[in-house]
Amino acid sequence: MGTLVAKLLLPTLSSLAFVPTISIAARRRFHMEAMVYLFTMFFVALHHACEGPGLWVVCFLRRDVLEHFSIYGTALSMWVSLMALADFDEPKRSTLVMFGALTTAVRIYHDRRGYGVYSGPVGTAVLIIAAKWLRQMKEKKGLYPDKSVYAQQIGPGLCFGALALMLRFFFEDWDYTYVHSFYHCALAMCFALLLPRVNQKAGSAGPPARLDCSTLCCACV
């Protein structure tokens, strides 16, 4: 009986694989990405907990709501991870992130069970990154980014991402509990690998802004 309960709780516990990813993102100053990963982990864990035995007391939201936001958080995590990899400057970066957040929300509301939920954001992000990097290669007349980025970051990250999607859509019929748990782990590893070593766009806090009369007048207007 204990083994059965542990097996049923495994999808909930495996969602904690996002904890190291959240920590890595925060330490590298990808605070927005860390918040998205935390959002995803929360709804994924709660969604699976409500499906498990004896944990219905934690279900303060309807199951369809939990399922919706667990899928939305996962798709959004894919998008922000790839946008972090693309390394756009502002305001293009925030514009693209918001574009992905809005279009993903519409797509999931329309159909949250199809392949397009994840293939749409991933495919669009890959095309955007490819266009940017090809332009950089043309200007640099050489490989962009460096070979080490492809070998240590992009290659392994995409491999874990492909593994996660294969487990999610093609192998869950084998044994949902174990396959879906491995899916969580592969997804968290993919996000951690795709994030650059440091967020160059984070900047520094700098001195606090001074509040003078002109500033206050502009704020009131």
Protein backbone atom coordinates (compact mmCIF):
# COMPACT_ATOMS: atom_id res chain seq x y z
CA MET A 1 0.00 0.00 0.00
CA GLY A 2 2.84 2.36 0.89
CA THR A 3 4.50 1.72 -2.47
CA LEU A 4 1.27 2.52 -4.29
CA VAL A 5 0.83 5.79 -2.40
CA ALA A 6 4.45 6.76 -3.07
CA LYS A 7 3.96 6.01 -6.76
CA LEU A 8 0.84 8.17 -6.91
CA LEU A 9 2.64 11.03 -5.15
CA LEU A 10 5.69 10.86 -7.41
CA PRO A 11 4.39 13.35 -10.04
CA THR A 12 3.84 15.88 -7.24
CA LEU A 13 7.25 15.35 -5.68
CA SER A 14 9.03 15.39 -9.05
CA SER A 15 7.79 18.94 -9.66
CA LEU A 16 10.31 19.98 -6.98
CA ALA A 17 12.95 19.46 -9.67
CA PHE A 18 12.19 23.08 -10.56
CA VAL A 19 13.69 24.26 -7.25
CA PRO A 20 17.33 24.06 -8.48
CA THR A 21 16.30 25.73 -11.75
CA ILE A 22 14.67 28.59 -9.83
CA SER A 23 17.79 28.94 -7.70
CA ILE A 24 20.10 28.98 -10.74
CA ALA A 25 17.95 31.57 -12.51
CA ALA A 26 17.90 33.84 -9.44
CA ARG A 27 21.67 33.56 -8.88
CA ARG A 28 22.30 34.44 -12.53
CA ARG A 29 20.01 37.49 -12.11
CA PHE A 30 17.25 36.14 -14.36
CA HIS A 31 14.63 37.22 -11.85
CA MET A 32 11.68 37.30 -14.25
CA GLU A 33 12.51 33.78 -15.45
CA ALA A 34 12.85 32.57 -11.85
CA MET A 35 9.39 33.96 -11.08
CA VAL A 36 7.91 32.15 -14.10
CA TYR A 37 9.57 28.88 -13.04
CA LEU A 38 8.21 29.32 -9.51
CA PHE A 39 4.73 29.97 -10.91
CA THR A 40 4.99 26.82 -13.02
CA MET A 41 6.23 24.65 -10.16
CA PHE A 42 3.45 25.86 -7.88
CA PHE A 43 0.62 25.03 -10.26
CA VAL A 44 2.17 21.78 -11.51
CA ALA A 45 2.68 20.54 -7.94
CA LEU A 46 -0.79 21.60 -6.82
CA HIS A 47 -2.42 20.10 -9.91
CA HIS A 48 -0.83 16.70 -9.33
CA ALA A 49 -1.40 16.89 -5.57
CA CYS A 50 -5.13 17.31 -6.16
CA GLU A 51 -5.08 14.16 -8.27
CA GLY A 52 -3.27 12.17 -5.59
CA PRO A 53 -4.74 10.30 -2.63
CA GLY A 54 -5.56 12.16 0.58
CA LEU A 55 -4.39 15.58 -0.60
CA TRP A 56 -7.73 17.06 -1.63
CA VAL A 57 -7.52 19.47 1.34
CA VAL A 58 -4.90 21.54 -0.55
CA CYS A 59 -7.16 21.99 -3.56
CA PHE A 60 -8.40 25.53 -3.01
CA LEU A 61 -8.81 25.97 -6.78
CA ARG A 62 -10.80 23.91 -9.25
CA ARG A 63 -8.87 21.16 -11.01
CA ASP A 64 -9.51 22.60 -14.46
CA VAL A 65 -8.01 25.91 -13.29
CA LEU A 66 -4.95 24.14 -11.91
CA GLU A 67 -4.51 22.16 -15.11
CA HIS A 68 -4.87 25.30 -17.23
CA PHE A 69 -2.21 27.25 -15.37
CA SER A 70 0.18 24.32 -15.06
CA ILE A 71 0.16 23.99 -18.85
CA TYR A 72 0.32 27.75 -19.34
CA GLY A 73 3.25 28.05 -16.93
CA THR A 74 5.13 25.28 -18.70
CA ALA A 75 4.66 26.85 -22.14
CA LEU A 76 5.59 30.29 -20.79
CA SER A 77 8.71 28.84 -19.15
CA MET A 78 9.79 27.49 -22.52
CA TRP A 79 9.26 30.88 -24.12
CA VAL A 80 11.12 32.97 -21.51
CA SER A 81 14.01 30.49 -21.43
CA LEU A 82 14.49 30.75 -25.19
CA MET A 83 14.15 34.54 -25.09
CA ALA A 84 16.85 34.63 -22.40
CA LEU A 85 19.03 32.52 -24.66
CA ALA A 86 18.43 34.95 -27.55
CA ASP A 87 19.86 37.79 -25.42
CA PHE A 88 17.88 40.68 -26.92
CA ASP A 89 18.34 44.26 -25.79
CA GLU A 90 15.51 46.33 -24.36
CA PRO A 91 12.83 47.18 -25.34
CA LYS A 92 12.82 44.32 -27.85
CA ARG A 93 13.30 41.72 -25.13
CA SER A 94 10.33 42.80 -23.01
CA THR A 95 8.19 43.22 -26.13
CA LEU A 96 8.90 39.67 -27.29
CA VAL A 97 8.36 38.23 -23.82
CA MET A 98 4.97 39.93 -23.59
CA PHE A 99 4.08 38.82 -27.12
CA GLY A 100 4.76 35.21 -26.15
CA ALA A 101 2.82 35.52 -22.88
CA LEU A 102 -0.28 36.90 -24.62
CA THR A 103 -0.32 34.59 -27.63
CA THR A 104 0.35 31.54 -25.46
CA ALA A 105 -2.55 32.46 -23.21
CA VAL A 106 -4.89 32.67 -26.22
CA ARG A 107 -3.62 29.36 -27.64
CA ILE A 108 -4.07 27.47 -24.39
CA TYR A 109 -7.55 28.89 -23.84
CA HIS A 110 -8.49 27.62 -27.30
CA ASP A 111 -7.00 24.13 -26.83
CA ARG A 112 -4.73 23.13 -23.96
CA ARG A 113 -4.23 19.50 -24.93
CA GLY A 114 -2.83 19.70 -28.46
CA TYR A 115 0.77 19.62 -29.64
CA GLY A 116 0.59 23.28 -30.62
CA VAL A 117 0.53 24.35 -26.97
CA TYR A 118 4.28 23.75 -26.79
CA SER A 119 5.35 23.49 -30.43
CA GLY A 120 3.94 26.96 -31.18
CA PRO A 121 6.05 28.90 -28.63
CA VAL A 122 9.13 26.74 -29.22
CA GLY A 123 8.94 26.95 -33.03
CA THR A 124 8.35 30.71 -33.02
CA ALA A 125 11.20 31.31 -30.58
CA VAL A 126 13.59 29.15 -32.61
CA LEU A 127 12.78 31.10 -35.77
CA ILE A 128 13.34 34.43 -33.98
CA ILE A 129 16.65 33.24 -32.51
CA ALA A 130 17.81 31.82 -35.86
CA ALA A 131 17.07 35.12 -37.64
CA LYS A 132 18.95 37.12 -35.00
CA TRP A 133 21.98 34.82 -34.92
CA LEU A 134 22.22 34.56 -38.71
CA ARG A 135 22.29 38.35 -38.88
CA GLN A 136 25.01 38.40 -36.22
CA MET A 137 27.02 35.80 -38.15
CA LYS A 138 26.72 37.88 -41.31
CA GLU A 139 28.00 40.97 -39.51
CA LYS A 140 30.73 39.09 -37.66
CA LYS A 141 31.56 36.86 -40.64
CA GLY A 142 32.00 33.95 -38.29
CA LEU A 143 30.20 31.63 -35.88
CA TYR A 144 27.84 33.25 -33.39
CA PRO A 145 27.69 32.53 -30.51
CA ASP A 146 30.92 30.76 -29.59
CA LYS A 147 31.34 27.01 -30.00
CA SER A 148 31.37 26.55 -26.23
CA VAL A 149 27.82 27.94 -26.02
CA TYR A 150 26.59 25.37 -28.55
CA ALA A 151 28.46 22.52 -26.85
CA GLN A 152 27.75 23.32 -23.20
CA GLN A 153 24.44 25.17 -23.31
CA ILE A 154 22.37 24.97 -26.48
CA GLY A 155 23.05 21.35 -27.47
CA PRO A 156 22.39 19.74 -24.06
CA GLY A 157 19.47 22.09 -23.35
CA LEU A 158 17.70 21.26 -26.61
CA CYS A 159 18.35 17.55 -26.09
CA PHE A 160 16.68 17.62 -22.68
CA GLY A 161 13.85 19.71 -24.12
CA ALA A 162 13.28 17.22 -26.93
CA LEU A 163 13.39 14.36 -24.42
CA ALA A 164 10.81 16.11 -22.24
CA LEU A 165 8.38 16.62 -25.12
CA MET A 166 8.83 13.03 -26.32
CA LEU A 167 8.06 11.74 -22.84
CA ARG A 168 5.05 14.04 -22.57
CA PHE A 169 3.39 13.21 -25.87
CA PHE A 170 4.61 9.77 -26.94
CA PHE A 171 5.56 7.65 -23.93
CA GLU A 172 3.13 8.51 -21.12
CA ASP A 173 0.99 5.47 -22.01
CA TRP A 174 3.81 3.20 -20.84
CA ASP A 175 3.57 4.25 -17.18
CA TYR A 176 2.13 7.70 -16.52
CA THR A 177 3.53 8.07 -13.01
CA TYR A 178 7.19 7.44 -13.84
CA VAL A 179 7.21 8.88 -17.35
CA HIS A 180 5.51 12.12 -16.31
CA SER A 181 7.88 12.45 -13.36
CA PHE A 182 10.89 12.08 -15.66
CA TYR A 183 9.22 14.67 -17.91
CA HIS A 184 9.29 17.17 -15.05
CA CYS A 185 12.97 16.48 -14.39
CA ALA A 186 13.97 16.74 -18.06
CA LEU A 187 12.04 19.99 -18.43
CA ALA A 188 13.69 21.56 -15.38
CA MET A 189 17.12 20.50 -16.65
CA CYS A 190 16.37 21.97 -20.08
CA PHE A 191 15.52 25.38 -18.60
CA ALA A 192 18.61 25.43 -16.38
CA LEU A 193 20.89 24.60 -19.31
CA LEU A 194 19.40 27.13 -21.72
CA LEU A 195 19.88 30.08 -19.38
CA PRO A 196 23.07 32.06 -20.11
CA ARG A 197 25.79 32.13 -17.45
CA VAL A 198 24.83 35.63 -16.32
CA ASN A 199 22.16 38.14 -17.26
CA GLN A 200 24.16 40.89 -18.92
CA LYS A 201 21.03 43.01 -19.25
CA ALA A 202 20.24 43.03 -15.53
CA GLY A 203 22.43 46.07 -14.90
CA SER A 204 23.22 47.39 -11.45
CA ALA A 205 21.03 49.00 -8.86
CA GLY A 206 22.90 52.29 -8.93
CA PRO A 207 22.10 55.27 -6.71
CA PRO A 208 18.45 55.85 -5.78
CA ALA A 209 16.52 58.34 -7.87
CA ARG A 210 16.05 61.77 -6.33
CA LEU A 211 12.53 63.12 -5.94
CA ASP A 212 12.35 66.79 -6.75
CA CYS A 213 9.44 69.12 -7.56
CA SER A 214 9.64 68.56 -11.33
CA THR A 215 9.56 64.79 -10.89
CA LEU A 216 6.53 64.94 -8.62
CA CYS A 217 4.70 67.30 -10.99
CA CYS A 218 5.30 64.95 -13.94
CA ALA A 219 4.07 62.01 -11.88
CA CYS A 220 0.88 63.84 -10.97
CA VAL A 221 0.24 64.75 -14.60
